[in-house]
């Protein structure tokens, strides 16, 4: 029986709820560990690190613009001005860490 198939035999709803809770706790722990490890690489200013199985690429200070067209159109119709676009544009900056398998 595979790990995923064991869940198909559970018929007790309380057990299902507990399994979901356990999975959420594991996911949080893994996300925290990943965030810590990313921080180690970012603190050194690295942009790419090759492991034996994976390549980690880090992009810094990525600018992302998102325009809320729905609220903008409800405010003014279909002829937005530059001021209206600016008022409904959210600009955020972040770093991105991507992981890919190493080429064989």
N, C-alpha and C. Protein backbone atom coordinates (compact mmCIF):
# COMPACT_ATOMS: atom_id res chain seq x y z
N UNK A 1 0.85 -1.18 0.00
CA UNK A 1 0.00 0.00 0.00
C UNK A 1 0.89 1.24 0.00
N UNK A 2 0.59 2.15 -0.90
CA UNK A 2 1.39 3.38 -0.97
C UNK A 2 0.95 4.34 0.12
N UNK A 3 1.78 5.33 0.37
CA UNK A 3 1.49 6.33 1.41
C UNK A 3 0.17 7.05 1.14
N UNK A 4 -0.07 7.43 -0.11
CA UNK A 4 -1.30 8.16 -0.45
C UNK A 4 -2.53 7.26 -0.32
N UNK A 5 -2.41 5.98 -0.67
CA UNK A 5 -3.56 5.08 -0.64
C UNK A 5 -4.07 4.79 0.76
N UNK A 6 -3.23 4.96 1.79
CA UNK A 6 -3.69 4.67 3.15
C UNK A 6 -4.83 5.59 3.55
N UNK A 7 -4.94 6.76 2.94
CA UNK A 7 -5.99 7.70 3.31
C UNK A 7 -7.35 7.29 2.76
N UNK A 8 -7.37 6.44 1.73
CA UNK A 8 -8.65 6.03 1.16
C UNK A 8 -9.38 5.04 2.06
N UNK A 9 -8.69 4.44 3.02
CA UNK A 9 -9.31 3.47 3.92
C UNK A 9 -9.85 4.12 5.19
N UNK A 10 -9.63 5.40 5.38
CA UNK A 10 -10.10 6.09 6.58
C UNK A 10 -11.58 6.39 6.44
N UNK A 11 -12.37 5.94 7.39
CA UNK A 11 -13.82 6.19 7.33
C UNK A 11 -14.29 7.06 8.49
N UNK A 12 -13.45 7.29 9.48
CA UNK A 12 -13.81 8.08 10.64
C UNK A 12 -13.47 9.54 10.38
N UNK A 13 -14.46 10.43 10.42
CA UNK A 13 -14.25 11.84 10.12
C UNK A 13 -13.27 12.50 11.09
N UNK A 14 -13.27 12.09 12.35
CA UNK A 14 -12.34 12.66 13.33
C UNK A 14 -10.90 12.32 12.97
N UNK A 15 -10.69 11.12 12.46
CA UNK A 15 -9.34 10.72 12.04
C UNK A 15 -8.92 11.55 10.84
N UNK A 16 -9.85 11.79 9.91
CA UNK A 16 -9.54 12.62 8.75
C UNK A 16 -9.14 14.03 9.21
N UNK A 17 -9.90 14.60 10.15
CA UNK A 17 -9.59 15.94 10.66
C UNK A 17 -8.20 15.96 11.29
N UNK A 18 -7.88 14.93 12.06
CA UNK A 18 -6.56 14.87 12.70
C UNK A 18 -5.44 14.73 11.66
N UNK A 19 -5.67 13.94 10.61
CA UNK A 19 -4.67 13.78 9.56
C UNK A 19 -4.43 15.11 8.84
N UNK A 20 -5.50 15.85 8.57
CA UNK A 20 -5.35 17.17 7.93
C UNK A 20 -4.55 18.09 8.82
N UNK A 21 -4.83 18.09 10.11
CA UNK A 21 -4.07 18.91 11.06
C UNK A 21 -2.60 18.55 11.09
N UNK A 22 -2.31 17.24 11.08
CA UNK A 22 -0.91 16.79 11.07
C UNK A 22 -0.19 17.24 9.81
N UNK A 23 -0.89 17.12 8.68
CA UNK A 23 -0.28 17.56 7.41
C UNK A 23 -0.01 19.05 7.42
N UNK A 24 -0.96 19.84 7.91
CA UNK A 24 -0.75 21.29 7.98
C UNK A 24 0.44 21.63 8.86
N UNK A 25 0.60 20.92 9.98
CA UNK A 25 1.74 21.16 10.87
C UNK A 25 3.06 20.82 10.16
N UNK A 26 3.07 19.72 9.40
CA UNK A 26 4.28 19.34 8.66
C UNK A 26 4.59 20.36 7.57
N UNK A 27 3.56 20.83 6.88
CA UNK A 27 3.76 21.83 5.82
C UNK A 27 4.36 23.10 6.41
N UNK A 28 3.83 23.55 7.56
CA UNK A 28 4.36 24.76 8.20
C UNK A 28 5.82 24.57 8.58
N UNK A 29 6.13 23.42 9.14
CA UNK A 29 7.51 23.15 9.55
C UNK A 29 8.45 23.15 8.33
N UNK A 30 8.01 22.57 7.24
CA UNK A 30 8.82 22.54 6.02
C UNK A 30 8.98 23.93 5.42
N UNK A 31 7.91 24.73 5.43
CA UNK A 31 8.01 26.10 4.90
C UNK A 31 8.98 26.92 5.74
N UNK A 32 8.91 26.77 7.06
CA UNK A 32 9.82 27.50 7.94
C UNK A 32 11.27 27.09 7.68
N UNK A 33 11.50 25.79 7.50
CA UNK A 33 12.86 25.30 7.23
C UNK A 33 13.37 25.85 5.90
N UNK A 34 12.49 25.84 4.88
CA UNK A 34 12.90 26.37 3.57
C UNK A 34 13.22 27.86 3.67
N UNK A 35 12.38 28.61 4.38
CA UNK A 35 12.62 30.05 4.52
C UNK A 35 13.96 30.31 5.20
N UNK A 36 14.28 29.53 6.22
CA UNK A 36 15.56 29.67 6.91
C UNK A 36 16.72 29.39 5.97
N UNK A 37 16.63 28.29 5.20
CA UNK A 37 17.71 27.94 4.28
C UNK A 37 17.86 28.95 3.15
N UNK A 38 16.73 29.47 2.65
CA UNK A 38 16.79 30.53 1.64
C UNK A 38 17.53 31.74 2.21
N UNK A 39 17.23 32.07 3.45
CA UNK A 39 17.88 33.20 4.10
C UNK A 39 19.39 33.04 4.17
N UNK A 40 19.85 31.81 4.39
CA UNK A 40 21.29 31.56 4.43
C UNK A 40 21.93 31.92 3.09
N UNK A 41 21.30 31.50 1.99
CA UNK A 41 21.86 31.79 0.67
C UNK A 41 21.74 33.27 0.33
N UNK A 42 20.58 33.87 0.67
CA UNK A 42 20.36 35.29 0.36
C UNK A 42 21.30 36.18 1.15
N UNK A 43 21.63 35.78 2.39
CA UNK A 43 22.51 36.61 3.21
C UNK A 43 23.92 36.70 2.62
N UNK A 44 24.27 35.74 1.77
CA UNK A 44 25.57 35.75 1.10
C UNK A 44 25.52 36.44 -0.25
N UNK A 45 24.32 36.88 -0.66
CA UNK A 45 24.17 37.58 -1.93
C UNK A 45 24.31 36.67 -3.15
N UNK A 46 24.11 35.37 -2.96
CA UNK A 46 24.27 34.41 -4.05
C UNK A 46 23.11 34.53 -5.04
N UNK A 47 23.39 34.27 -6.31
CA UNK A 47 22.33 34.29 -7.32
C UNK A 47 22.05 32.90 -7.89
N UNK A 48 23.01 31.99 -7.76
CA UNK A 48 22.78 30.62 -8.23
C UNK A 48 23.69 29.68 -7.47
N UNK A 49 23.12 28.57 -7.01
CA UNK A 49 23.90 27.55 -6.32
C UNK A 49 23.53 26.20 -6.91
N UNK A 50 24.53 25.46 -7.34
CA UNK A 50 24.31 24.12 -7.88
C UNK A 50 24.62 23.09 -6.82
N UNK A 51 23.62 22.28 -6.48
CA UNK A 51 23.84 21.14 -5.62
C UNK A 51 24.11 19.92 -6.49
N UNK A 52 24.11 18.76 -5.91
CA UNK A 52 24.31 17.55 -6.71
C UNK A 52 23.03 17.14 -7.42
N UNK A 53 21.86 17.53 -6.88
CA UNK A 53 20.59 17.15 -7.48
C UNK A 53 19.74 18.34 -7.92
N UNK A 54 19.97 19.49 -7.31
CA UNK A 54 19.12 20.65 -7.58
C UNK A 54 19.94 21.92 -7.79
N UNK A 55 19.38 22.83 -8.57
CA UNK A 55 19.95 24.15 -8.78
C UNK A 55 18.98 25.17 -8.18
N UNK A 56 19.51 26.04 -7.33
CA UNK A 56 18.71 27.10 -6.72
C UNK A 56 19.13 28.42 -7.35
N UNK A 57 18.15 29.15 -7.86
CA UNK A 57 18.40 30.46 -8.47
C UNK A 57 17.67 31.51 -7.65
N UNK A 58 18.37 32.60 -7.33
CA UNK A 58 17.79 33.67 -6.52
C UNK A 58 17.79 34.96 -7.32
N UNK A 59 16.63 35.55 -7.45
CA UNK A 59 16.48 36.85 -8.11
C UNK A 59 16.10 37.86 -7.04
N UNK A 60 16.79 38.98 -7.03
CA UNK A 60 16.59 39.97 -5.99
C UNK A 60 15.81 41.17 -6.50
N UNK A 61 15.03 41.75 -5.60
CA UNK A 61 14.33 43.03 -5.83
C UNK A 61 13.51 43.03 -7.12
N UNK A 62 12.67 42.04 -7.26
CA UNK A 62 11.79 41.94 -8.42
C UNK A 62 10.63 42.91 -8.22
N UNK A 63 10.37 43.74 -9.22
CA UNK A 63 9.28 44.71 -9.14
C UNK A 63 8.07 44.12 -9.85
N UNK A 64 6.94 44.16 -9.17
CA UNK A 64 5.70 43.62 -9.75
C UNK A 64 4.63 44.69 -9.66
N UNK A 65 3.98 44.96 -10.78
CA UNK A 65 2.88 45.92 -10.81
C UNK A 65 1.59 45.17 -11.09
N UNK A 66 0.59 45.43 -10.26
CA UNK A 66 -0.72 44.80 -10.44
C UNK A 66 -1.76 45.90 -10.49
N UNK A 67 -2.54 45.91 -11.57
CA UNK A 67 -3.59 46.91 -11.73
C UNK A 67 -4.93 46.26 -11.42
N UNK A 68 -5.69 46.87 -10.53
CA UNK A 68 -7.02 46.39 -10.18
C UNK A 68 -8.01 46.98 -11.17
N UNK A 69 -8.14 46.31 -12.30
CA UNK A 69 -9.00 46.83 -13.38
C UNK A 69 -10.47 46.88 -12.97
N UNK A 70 -10.90 45.92 -12.17
CA UNK A 70 -12.30 45.86 -11.79
C UNK A 70 -12.72 47.12 -11.03
N UNK A 71 -11.94 47.49 -10.02
CA UNK A 71 -12.30 48.70 -9.26
C UNK A 71 -12.06 49.96 -10.09
N UNK A 72 -11.06 49.92 -10.96
CA UNK A 72 -10.79 51.09 -11.79
C UNK A 72 -11.94 51.32 -12.78
N UNK A 73 -12.43 50.27 -13.40
CA UNK A 73 -13.51 50.42 -14.38
C UNK A 73 -14.82 50.84 -13.71
N UNK A 74 -15.05 50.36 -12.50
CA UNK A 74 -16.28 50.75 -11.82
C UNK A 74 -16.22 52.22 -11.40
N UNK A 75 -15.00 52.74 -11.26
CA UNK A 75 -14.85 54.15 -10.87
C UNK A 75 -14.99 55.10 -12.04
N UNK A 76 -14.62 54.68 -13.26
CA UNK A 76 -14.53 55.66 -14.34
C UNK A 76 -15.03 55.17 -15.69
N UNK A 77 -15.41 53.92 -15.82
CA UNK A 77 -15.82 53.44 -17.13
C UNK A 77 -14.62 52.91 -17.89
N UNK A 78 -14.66 52.96 -19.23
CA UNK A 78 -13.63 52.32 -20.04
C UNK A 78 -12.59 53.28 -20.58
N UNK A 79 -12.48 54.48 -20.05
CA UNK A 79 -11.48 55.43 -20.51
C UNK A 79 -10.60 55.88 -19.33
N UNK A 80 -9.67 55.01 -18.89
CA UNK A 80 -8.85 55.36 -17.73
C UNK A 80 -7.81 56.44 -18.04
N UNK A 81 -7.63 57.32 -17.11
CA UNK A 81 -6.58 58.34 -17.23
C UNK A 81 -5.31 57.81 -16.57
N UNK A 82 -4.21 58.50 -16.77
CA UNK A 82 -2.95 58.09 -16.12
C UNK A 82 -3.09 58.14 -14.60
N UNK A 83 -3.80 59.16 -14.10
CA UNK A 83 -3.99 59.29 -12.66
C UNK A 83 -4.82 58.12 -12.12
N UNK A 84 -5.85 57.73 -12.87
CA UNK A 84 -6.70 56.63 -12.43
C UNK A 84 -5.91 55.32 -12.43
N UNK A 85 -5.10 55.11 -13.47
CA UNK A 85 -4.25 53.92 -13.51
C UNK A 85 -3.30 53.89 -12.32
N UNK A 86 -2.67 55.01 -12.03
CA UNK A 86 -1.73 55.08 -10.91
C UNK A 86 -2.44 54.82 -9.58
N UNK A 87 -3.65 55.33 -9.44
CA UNK A 87 -4.39 55.16 -8.19
C UNK A 87 -4.78 53.71 -7.95
N UNK A 88 -4.92 52.93 -9.02
CA UNK A 88 -5.36 51.54 -8.90
C UNK A 88 -4.24 50.54 -9.19
N UNK A 89 -3.00 51.01 -9.16
CA UNK A 89 -1.85 50.14 -9.40
C UNK A 89 -1.11 49.91 -8.10
N UNK A 90 -0.89 48.64 -7.79
CA UNK A 90 -0.13 48.28 -6.60
C UNK A 90 1.25 47.81 -7.06
N UNK A 91 2.29 48.40 -6.49
CA UNK A 91 3.67 48.02 -6.83
C UNK A 91 4.28 47.33 -5.62
N UNK A 92 4.83 46.15 -5.84
CA UNK A 92 5.48 45.44 -4.74
C UNK A 92 6.86 44.97 -5.19
N UNK A 93 7.73 44.78 -4.23
CA UNK A 93 9.08 44.29 -4.49
C UNK A 93 9.29 43.03 -3.65
N UNK A 94 9.98 42.08 -4.24
CA UNK A 94 10.27 40.85 -3.51
C UNK A 94 11.47 40.16 -4.13
N UNK A 95 11.95 39.17 -3.42
CA UNK A 95 12.99 38.29 -3.95
C UNK A 95 12.31 36.99 -4.35
N UNK A 96 12.89 36.30 -5.32
CA UNK A 96 12.31 35.02 -5.76
C UNK A 96 13.40 33.96 -5.71
N UNK A 97 13.05 32.83 -5.11
CA UNK A 97 13.97 31.69 -5.06
C UNK A 97 13.30 30.55 -5.82
N UNK A 98 13.94 30.08 -6.87
CA UNK A 98 13.38 28.97 -7.64
C UNK A 98 14.33 27.78 -7.59
N UNK A 99 13.74 26.59 -7.63
CA UNK A 99 14.51 25.36 -7.53
C UNK A 99 14.16 24.47 -8.71
N UNK A 100 15.18 23.96 -9.37
CA UNK A 100 14.98 23.05 -10.49
C UNK A 100 15.95 21.88 -10.34
N UNK A 101 15.57 20.75 -10.88
CA UNK A 101 16.46 19.61 -10.88
C UNK A 101 17.67 19.88 -11.75
N UNK A 102 18.81 19.35 -11.36
CA UNK A 102 20.03 19.52 -12.15
C UNK A 102 19.92 18.69 -13.42
N UNK A 103 20.44 19.23 -14.53
CA UNK A 103 20.45 18.46 -15.77
C UNK A 103 21.31 17.22 -15.60
N UNK A 104 20.91 16.17 -16.25
CA UNK A 104 21.69 14.90 -16.13
C UNK A 104 22.73 14.80 -17.19
